[in-house]
Amino acid sequence: MAPALGVDVGGTKVAGLLVGDGGEVMAEETVATPADDVEATLETIYGVASTLAARGRPEAVGVGAAGMVDFAAGALRSAPNLAWKEVPIRALVADRTGL
């Protein structure tokens, strides 16, 4: 199995890991979250993912965020610490990263 990316989107930081097939952390990146701006937060997520992807050619990405998630739709319906309402996070991240 190839490496994978994990991205945690919080109210103060976006933290990402590139993890190898054995679970070892290959690289990490943390950037402040512009929590009051959906587009800027998405750009931050894409930036973290891109920085990490350049270090290991991942085959998948997972994104986690606190809030009400509609897993079937791949959407974050609302988040207590972000200015997000009805954000189709799965499609946006997949389209932008190709993962």
Protein backbone atom coordinates (compact mmCIF):
# COMPACT_ATOMS: atom_id res chain seq x y z
CA MET A 1 0.00 0.00 0.00
CA ALA A 2 1.20 3.52 -0.80
CA PRO A 3 1.37 6.35 1.71
CA ALA A 4 -1.77 8.27 2.67
CA LEU A 5 -2.53 11.78 3.86
CA GLY A 6 -4.56 12.68 6.92
CA VAL A 7 -5.71 16.27 7.44
CA ASP A 8 -7.33 17.56 10.64
CA VAL A 9 -9.17 20.85 10.20
CA GLY A 10 -9.60 22.70 13.47
CA GLY A 11 -10.59 26.16 14.52
CA THR A 12 -6.99 27.21 15.14
CA LYS A 13 -4.89 24.97 12.90
CA VAL A 14 -4.91 22.62 9.94
CA ALA A 15 -2.60 19.72 10.76
CA GLY A 16 -1.61 17.09 8.25
CA LEU A 17 0.37 13.88 8.25
CA LEU A 18 1.82 11.75 5.51
CA VAL A 19 1.69 8.19 6.82
CA GLY A 20 3.42 5.14 5.37
CA ASP A 21 1.84 1.74 4.85
CA GLY A 22 3.14 0.57 8.22
CA GLY A 23 1.59 3.52 10.02
CA GLU A 24 4.85 5.44 10.40
CA VAL A 25 4.69 9.22 10.13
CA MET A 26 6.76 10.24 7.11
CA ALA A 27 6.08 14.00 7.24
CA GLU A 28 3.87 16.51 8.99
CA GLU A 29 2.68 20.05 8.34
CA THR A 30 0.71 22.49 10.51
CA VAL A 31 -0.70 25.85 9.41
CA ALA A 32 -3.00 28.34 11.14
CA THR A 33 -6.67 28.09 10.14
CA PRO A 34 -8.41 31.18 8.75
CA ALA A 35 -11.55 29.85 10.46
CA ASP A 36 -13.85 32.71 9.49
CA ASP A 37 -13.31 32.26 5.72
CA VAL A 38 -14.43 29.05 3.99
CA GLU A 39 -12.43 29.61 0.81
CA ALA A 40 -9.26 30.52 2.69
CA THR A 41 -9.63 27.45 4.90
CA LEU A 42 -10.05 25.25 1.82
CA GLU A 43 -6.92 26.79 0.29
CA THR A 44 -5.08 26.04 3.54
CA ILE A 45 -6.21 22.41 3.39
CA TYR A 46 -5.08 22.15 -0.24
CA GLY A 47 -1.73 23.72 0.64
CA VAL A 48 -1.08 21.30 3.50
CA ALA A 49 -2.07 18.34 1.30
CA SER A 50 0.13 19.55 -1.56
CA THR A 51 3.15 20.10 0.68
CA LEU A 52 2.81 16.60 2.12
CA ALA A 53 2.05 14.93 -1.23
CA ALA A 54 5.32 16.29 -2.59
CA ARG A 55 7.11 14.24 0.06
CA GLY A 56 5.69 10.81 -0.65
CA ARG A 57 3.17 10.26 -3.48
CA PRO A 58 0.09 9.31 -1.43
CA GLU A 59 -2.76 7.31 -2.92
CA ALA A 60 -5.51 8.57 -0.59
CA VAL A 61 -6.45 11.48 1.64
CA GLY A 62 -8.74 11.65 4.64
CA VAL A 63 -10.08 14.86 6.17
CA GLY A 64 -11.45 15.22 9.68
CA ALA A 65 -13.27 18.16 11.23
CA ALA A 66 -15.52 18.64 14.23
CA GLY A 67 -19.15 19.18 13.38
CA MET A 68 -22.15 17.60 11.78
CA VAL A 69 -20.94 15.41 8.91
CA ASP A 70 -23.10 13.78 6.26
CA PHE A 71 -20.78 10.91 5.41
CA ALA A 72 -22.91 9.60 2.53
CA ALA A 73 -22.89 13.02 0.86
CA GLY A 74 -19.28 13.77 1.81
CA ALA A 75 -20.36 17.09 3.27
CA LEU A 76 -19.73 19.02 6.44
CA ARG A 77 -23.18 20.34 7.28
CA SER A 78 -22.00 22.66 10.07
CA ALA A 79 -18.96 23.10 12.26
CA PRO A 80 -18.84 24.76 15.69
CA ASN A 81 -15.34 26.18 15.20
CA LEU A 82 -15.42 27.03 11.48
CA ALA A 83 -17.57 29.32 9.34
CA TRP A 84 -18.76 26.28 7.38
CA LYS A 85 -22.30 25.42 6.38
CA GLU A 86 -23.07 22.75 3.78
CA VAL A 87 -19.51 22.40 2.45
CA PRO A 88 -19.06 19.39 0.09
CA ILE A 89 -15.60 18.72 1.50
CA ARG A 90 -15.07 15.26 -0.04
CA ALA A 91 -15.68 16.44 -3.61
CA LEU A 92 -13.71 19.66 -3.19
CA VAL A 93 -10.64 17.95 -1.74
CA ALA A 94 -10.82 15.05 -4.23
CA ASP A 95 -11.11 17.43 -7.19
CA ARG A 96 -8.25 19.62 -6.03
CA THR A 97 -5.83 16.88 -4.93
CA GLY A 98 -6.74 14.08 -7.32
CA LEU A 99 -6.94 11.76 -4.30
